[in-house]
Amino acid sequence: SQLIAHDKEVYDIAFARGKDIFASVGADGSVRLFDLRTLEHSTIVYETAGLAPILRLAWNKQDPNYIAVVLADDPRTIVLDVRVPSIPVAELASHSAAVNAIAWAPHSSCHLCTCSDDAQALIWDLTAMPKPIDDPILAYYADAEVNQLQWSAAHHEWIAIAYNNTMQMLHV
């Protein structure tokens, strides 16, 4: 089935774990939820201020109520609770340049890793949500802008990051 829901280009799509739900983000600045059982419509759960484009999304691997999103050219990561549309449950703002990638811990519902053009990979503990989360619990400084990261599903203590022509394994 072809779905037309966004008003502009779609940048990312992800499925929630163990559910019929998936979400998309795009240039129109919205996060939209879809249900495989009723594809005729979608639900907008978040729109950015000024409709700034949203580039990436990641579902929490343990709790499908939470989604993290990355805005275009923005140093913040927005965490959403799909049960409370329109209002971010957390804004993670310790990067000093655009965030490039995000990954939830595969073994924990409250840990998220972000990486950025500021050459950092940051791990956040979100246990205190909805109280503000001001600082990450761990920070790694790379030699250049970190473009991508993956948190190993099989070995929870390892995160892979990529920068320049380098991949590096972080033991956390």
C-alpha atoms as a PDB file:
ATOM      1  CA  SER A   1       0.000   0.000   0.000  1.00  0.00           C
ATOM      2  CA  GLN A   2       1.201   3.489  -0.800  1.00  0.00           C
ATOM      3  CA  LEU A   3       0.697   5.951   2.034  1.00  0.00           C
ATOM      4  CA  ILE A   4       0.651   9.700   1.586  1.00  0.00           C
ATOM      5  CA  ALA A   5       0.648  11.387   4.951  1.00  0.00           C
ATOM      6  CA  HIS A   6       3.417  13.984   5.082  1.00  0.00           C
ATOM      7  CA  ASP A   7       3.185  17.313   3.303  1.00  0.00           C
ATOM      8  CA  LYS A   8       6.861  17.165   2.305  1.00  0.00           C
ATOM      9  CA  GLU A   9       9.650  14.604   1.903  1.00  0.00           C
ATOM     10  CA  VAL A  10       9.803  11.665   4.355  1.00  0.00           C
ATOM     11  CA  TYR A  11      13.274  11.212   5.912  1.00  0.00           C
ATOM     12  CA  ASP A  12      12.945   8.236   8.240  1.00  0.00           C
ATOM     13  CA  ILE A  13      10.600   5.364   9.155  1.00  0.00           C
ATOM     14  CA  ALA A  14      10.792   2.943  12.100  1.00  0.00           C
ATOM     15  CA  PHE A  15       8.622   0.183  13.550  1.00  0.00           C
ATOM     16  CA  ALA A  16       7.799  -0.146  17.230  1.00  0.00           C
ATOM     17  CA  ARG A  17       8.927  -3.415  18.777  1.00  0.00           C
ATOM     18  CA  GLY A  18       6.239  -6.066  19.007  1.00  0.00           C
ATOM     19  CA  LYS A  19       3.389  -3.879  17.799  1.00  0.00           C
ATOM     20  CA  ASP A  20       1.532  -3.024  14.602  1.00  0.00           C
ATOM     21  CA  ILE A  21       2.683   0.562  14.943  1.00  0.00           C
ATOM     22  CA  PHE A  22       5.287   2.451  12.943  1.00  0.00           C
ATOM     23  CA  ALA A  23       6.247   6.105  12.735  1.00  0.00           C
ATOM     24  CA  SER A  24       7.679   8.461  10.157  1.00  0.00           C
ATOM     25  CA  VAL A  25       9.349  11.880  10.224  1.00  0.00           C
ATOM     26  CA  GLY A  26      10.089  14.350   7.512  1.00  0.00           C
ATOM     27  CA  ALA A  27      10.707  17.778   6.065  1.00  0.00           C
ATOM     28  CA  ASP A  28       7.280  18.977   7.220  1.00  0.00           C
ATOM     29  CA  GLY A  29       8.488  18.855  10.852  1.00  0.00           C
ATOM     30  CA  SER A  30       6.052  16.204  12.018  1.00  0.00           C
ATOM     31  CA  VAL A  31       6.162  12.794  13.687  1.00  0.00           C
ATOM     32  CA  ARG A  32       3.318  10.636  12.414  1.00  0.00           C
ATOM     33  CA  LEU A  33       2.122   7.303  13.795  1.00  0.00           C
ATOM     34  CA  PHE A  34       0.573   4.610  11.635  1.00  0.00           C
ATOM     35  CA  ASP A  35      -1.179   1.358  12.490  1.00  0.00           C
ATOM     36  CA  LEU A  36      -0.802  -1.553  10.043  1.00  0.00           C
ATOM     37  CA  ARG A  37      -4.397  -2.559  10.766  1.00  0.00           C
ATOM     38  CA  THR A  38      -5.811   0.825   9.655  1.00  0.00           C
ATOM     39  CA  LEU A  39      -3.545   2.403   7.060  1.00  0.00           C
ATOM     40  CA  GLU A  40      -6.176   4.882   5.864  1.00  0.00           C
ATOM     41  CA  HIS A  41      -4.976   7.551   8.282  1.00  0.00           C
ATOM     42  CA  SER A  42      -2.101   8.581  10.516  1.00  0.00           C
ATOM     43  CA  THR A  43      -1.860  10.506  13.770  1.00  0.00           C
ATOM     44  CA  ILE A  44       0.438  13.486  14.197  1.00  0.00           C
ATOM     45  CA  VAL A  45       2.013  13.122  17.637  1.00  0.00           C
ATOM     46  CA  TYR A  46       4.480  16.002  17.375  1.00  0.00           C
ATOM     47  CA  GLU A  47       5.288  19.028  15.236  1.00  0.00           C
ATOM     48  CA  THR A  48       8.414  21.121  15.638  1.00  0.00           C
ATOM     49  CA  ALA A  49       8.315  24.844  16.277  1.00  0.00           C
ATOM     50  CA  GLY A  50       8.321  26.565  12.908  1.00  0.00           C
ATOM     51  CA  LEU A  51       7.890  23.134  11.294  1.00  0.00           C
ATOM     52  CA  ALA A  52      11.673  22.559  11.275  1.00  0.00           C
ATOM     53  CA  PRO A  53      12.529  19.312   9.460  1.00  0.00           C
ATOM     54  CA  ILE A  54      12.981  16.124  11.503  1.00  0.00           C
ATOM     55  CA  LEU A  55      15.674  13.824  10.092  1.00  0.00           C
ATOM     56  CA  ARG A  56      15.724  10.701  12.270  1.00  0.00           C
ATOM     57  CA  LEU A  57      13.631   8.756  14.745  1.00  0.00           C
ATOM     58  CA  ALA A  58      14.301   5.792  16.989  1.00  0.00           C
ATOM     59  CA  TRP A  59      11.829   3.776  19.051  1.00  0.00           C
ATOM     60  CA  ASN A  60      12.772   2.791  22.570  1.00  0.00           C
ATOM     61  CA  LYS A  61      13.643  -0.914  22.325  1.00  0.00           C
ATOM     62  CA  GLN A  62      12.114  -1.776  25.728  1.00  0.00           C
ATOM     63  CA  ASP A  63       9.204   0.667  26.010  1.00  0.00           C
ATOM     64  CA  PRO A  64       7.330   1.386  22.754  1.00  0.00           C
ATOM     65  CA  ASN A  65       5.734   4.490  24.269  1.00  0.00           C
ATOM     66  CA  TYR A  66       8.936   6.480  23.728  1.00  0.00           C
ATOM     67  CA  ILE A  67      10.453   7.813  20.528  1.00  0.00           C
ATOM     68  CA  ALA A  68      13.578   9.962  20.181  1.00  0.00           C
ATOM     69  CA  VAL A  69      13.902  12.308  17.201  1.00  0.00           C
ATOM     70  CA  VAL A  70      16.671  14.402  15.653  1.00  0.00           C
ATOM     71  CA  LEU A  71      15.922  17.738  14.010  1.00  0.00           C
ATOM     72  CA  ALA A  72      17.844  19.106  11.019  1.00  0.00           C
ATOM     73  CA  ASP A  73      20.897  21.167  11.986  1.00  0.00           C
ATOM     74  CA  ASP A  74      19.903  21.146  15.655  1.00  0.00           C
ATOM     75  CA  PRO A  75      22.036  20.203  18.687  1.00  0.00           C
ATOM     76  CA  ARG A  76      19.021  18.857  20.619  1.00  0.00           C
ATOM     77  CA  THR A  77      17.455  15.420  20.726  1.00  0.00           C
ATOM     78  CA  ILE A  78      13.723  15.397  21.468  1.00  0.00           C
ATOM     79  CA  VAL A  79      12.180  12.500  23.413  1.00  0.00           C
ATOM     80  CA  LEU A  80       8.447  11.955  22.940  1.00  0.00           C
ATOM     81  CA  ASP A  81       5.888   9.905  24.836  1.00  0.00           C
ATOM     82  CA  VAL A  82       3.294   8.862  22.230  1.00  0.00           C
ATOM     83  CA  ARG A  83       0.639   8.748  24.967  1.00  0.00           C
ATOM     84  CA  VAL A  84       1.065  12.520  25.456  1.00  0.00           C
ATOM     85  CA  PRO A  85       1.087  14.021  21.943  1.00  0.00           C
ATOM     86  CA  SER A  86       2.554  17.429  21.095  1.00  0.00           C
ATOM     87  CA  ILE A  87       4.679  17.886  24.236  1.00  0.00           C
ATOM     88  CA  PRO A  88       8.258  16.548  24.445  1.00  0.00           C
ATOM     89  CA  VAL A  89       8.905  14.567  27.606  1.00  0.00           C
ATOM     90  CA  ALA A  90      12.603  15.544  27.407  1.00  0.00           C
ATOM     91  CA  GLU A  91      14.949  17.750  25.407  1.00  0.00           C
ATOM     92  CA  LEU A  92      18.573  16.615  25.540  1.00  0.00           C
ATOM     93  CA  ALA A  93      20.728  19.644  24.834  1.00  0.00           C
ATOM     94  CA  SER A  94      24.388  19.032  25.734  1.00  0.00           C
ATOM     95  CA  HIS A  95      25.717  18.843  22.181  1.00  0.00           C
ATOM     96  CA  SER A  96      27.157  22.028  20.709  1.00  0.00           C
ATOM     97  CA  ALA A  97      26.517  21.097  17.067  1.00  0.00           C
ATOM     98  CA  ALA A  98      23.946  19.173  15.020  1.00  0.00           C
ATOM     99  CA  VAL A  99      23.017  15.689  16.235  1.00  0.00           C
ATOM    100  CA  ASN A 100      23.567  13.050  13.544  1.00  0.00           C
ATOM    101  CA  ALA A 101      22.328   9.781  15.041  1.00  0.00           C
ATOM    102  CA  ILE A 102      20.571   8.277  18.052  1.00  0.00           C
ATOM    103  CA  ALA A 103      20.278   4.765  19.472  1.00  0.00           C
ATOM    104  CA  TRP A 104      18.345   3.414  22.438  1.00  0.00           C
ATOM    105  CA  ALA A 105      20.027   0.829  24.619  1.00  0.00           C
ATOM    106  CA  PRO A 106      18.754  -2.636  23.659  1.00  0.00           C
ATOM    107  CA  HIS A 107      18.708  -3.763  27.302  1.00  0.00           C
ATOM    108  CA  SER A 108      17.371  -0.676  29.082  1.00  0.00           C
ATOM    109  CA  SER A 109      14.316   1.530  28.654  1.00  0.00           C
ATOM    110  CA  CYS A 110      16.051   4.594  30.066  1.00  0.00           C
ATOM    111  CA  HIS A 111      19.384   4.845  28.217  1.00  0.00           C
ATOM    112  CA  LEU A 112      19.924   6.656  24.933  1.00  0.00           C
ATOM    113  CA  CYS A 113      23.104   7.449  23.001  1.00  0.00           C
ATOM    114  CA  THR A 114      23.440  10.492  20.723  1.00  0.00           C
ATOM    115  CA  CYS A 115      26.280  11.566  18.435  1.00  0.00           C
ATOM    116  CA  SER A 116      27.014  14.881  16.838  1.00  0.00           C
ATOM    117  CA  ASP A 117      29.089  17.143  14.634  1.00  0.00           C
ATOM    118  CA  ASP A 118      30.715  18.305  17.898  1.00  0.00           C
ATOM    119  CA  ALA A 119      32.737  15.027  17.795  1.00  0.00           C
ATOM    120  CA  GLN A 120      30.969  13.601  20.844  1.00  0.00           C
ATOM    121  CA  ALA A 121      28.962  10.498  21.608  1.00  0.00           C
ATOM    122  CA  LEU A 122      26.850  11.043  24.725  1.00  0.00           C
ATOM    123  CA  ILE A 123      24.953   8.483  26.801  1.00  0.00           C
ATOM    124  CA  TRP A 124      21.895   9.756  28.645  1.00  0.00           C
ATOM    125  CA  ASP A 125      20.040   8.280  31.613  1.00  0.00           C
ATOM    126  CA  LEU A 126      16.374   9.195  31.210  1.00  0.00           C
ATOM    127  CA  THR A 127      15.165   7.622  34.472  1.00  0.00           C
ATOM    128  CA  ALA A 128      14.152  11.021  35.868  1.00  0.00           C
ATOM    129  CA  MET A 129      11.755  11.887  33.018  1.00  0.00           C
ATOM    130  CA  PRO A 130       9.636  14.000  32.917  1.00  0.00           C
ATOM    131  CA  LYS A 131      12.005  16.064  35.072  1.00  0.00           C
ATOM    132  CA  PRO A 132      14.646  17.875  32.975  1.00  0.00           C
ATOM    133  CA  ILE A 133      17.685  15.842  31.942  1.00  0.00           C
ATOM    134  CA  ASP A 134      20.527  18.351  31.951  1.00  0.00           C
ATOM    135  CA  ASP A 135      23.679  16.288  31.495  1.00  0.00           C
ATOM    136  CA  PRO A 136      24.681  12.946  29.998  1.00  0.00           C
ATOM    137  CA  ILE A 137      26.086  10.228  32.241  1.00  0.00           C
ATOM    138  CA  LEU A 138      28.954   9.408  29.855  1.00  0.00           C
ATOM    139  CA  ALA A 139      30.735  11.351  27.121  1.00  0.00           C
ATOM    140  CA  TYR A 140      33.194  10.162  24.502  1.00  0.00           C
ATOM    141  CA  TYR A 141      35.231  12.592  22.410  1.00  0.00           C
ATOM    142  CA  ALA A 142      36.179  11.426  18.903  1.00  0.00           C
ATOM    143  CA  ASP A 143      38.787  12.932  16.565  1.00  0.00           C
ATOM    144  CA  ALA A 144      36.127  14.302  14.200  1.00  0.00           C
ATOM    145  CA  GLU A 145      32.369  14.702  13.730  1.00  0.00           C
ATOM    146  CA  VAL A 146      30.585  11.481  14.673  1.00  0.00           C
ATOM    147  CA  ASN A 147      28.267  10.582  11.796  1.00  0.00           C
ATOM    148  CA  GLN A 148      26.655   7.346  12.928  1.00  0.00           C
ATOM    149  CA  LEU A 149      26.318   5.005  15.886  1.00  0.00           C
ATOM    150  CA  GLN A 150      24.850   1.618  16.717  1.00  0.00           C
ATOM    151  CA  TRP A 151      24.284   0.041  20.130  1.00  0.00           C
ATOM    152  CA  SER A 152      24.953  -3.701  19.937  1.00  0.00           C
ATOM    153  CA  ALA A 153      21.867  -5.815  20.589  1.00  0.00           C
ATOM    154  CA  ALA A 154      23.949  -8.914  21.341  1.00  0.00           C
ATOM    155  CA  HIS A 155      26.621  -7.237  23.487  1.00  0.00           C
ATOM    156  CA  HIS A 156      24.924  -4.441  25.443  1.00  0.00           C
ATOM    157  CA  GLU A 157      28.177  -2.985  26.708  1.00  0.00           C
ATOM    158  CA  TRP A 158      29.380  -2.055  23.195  1.00  0.00           C
ATOM    159  CA  ILE A 159      28.533   0.955  21.039  1.00  0.00           C
ATOM    160  CA  ALA A 160      30.006   1.434  17.559  1.00  0.00           C
ATOM    161  CA  ILE A 161      30.594   4.943  16.259  1.00  0.00           C
ATOM    162  CA  ALA A 162      31.753   6.153  12.845  1.00  0.00           C
ATOM    163  CA  TYR A 163      33.693   9.297  12.009  1.00  0.00           C
ATOM    164  CA  ASN A 164      35.796  10.200   8.964  1.00  0.00           C
ATOM    165  CA  ASN A 165      37.055   6.874   7.601  1.00  0.00           C
ATOM    166  CA  THR A 166      37.092   5.321  11.090  1.00  0.00           C
ATOM    167  CA  MET A 167      34.811   3.010  13.020  1.00  0.00           C
ATOM    168  CA  GLN A 168      35.443   2.771  16.729  1.00  0.00           C
ATOM    169  CA  MET A 169      34.068   0.428  19.363  1.00  0.00           C
ATOM    170  CA  LEU A 170      33.214   2.020  22.725  1.00  0.00           C
ATOM    171  CA  HIS A 171      33.005  -0.191  25.808  1.00  0.00           C
ATOM    172  CA  VAL A 172      30.391   1.373  28.089  1.00  0.00           C
END
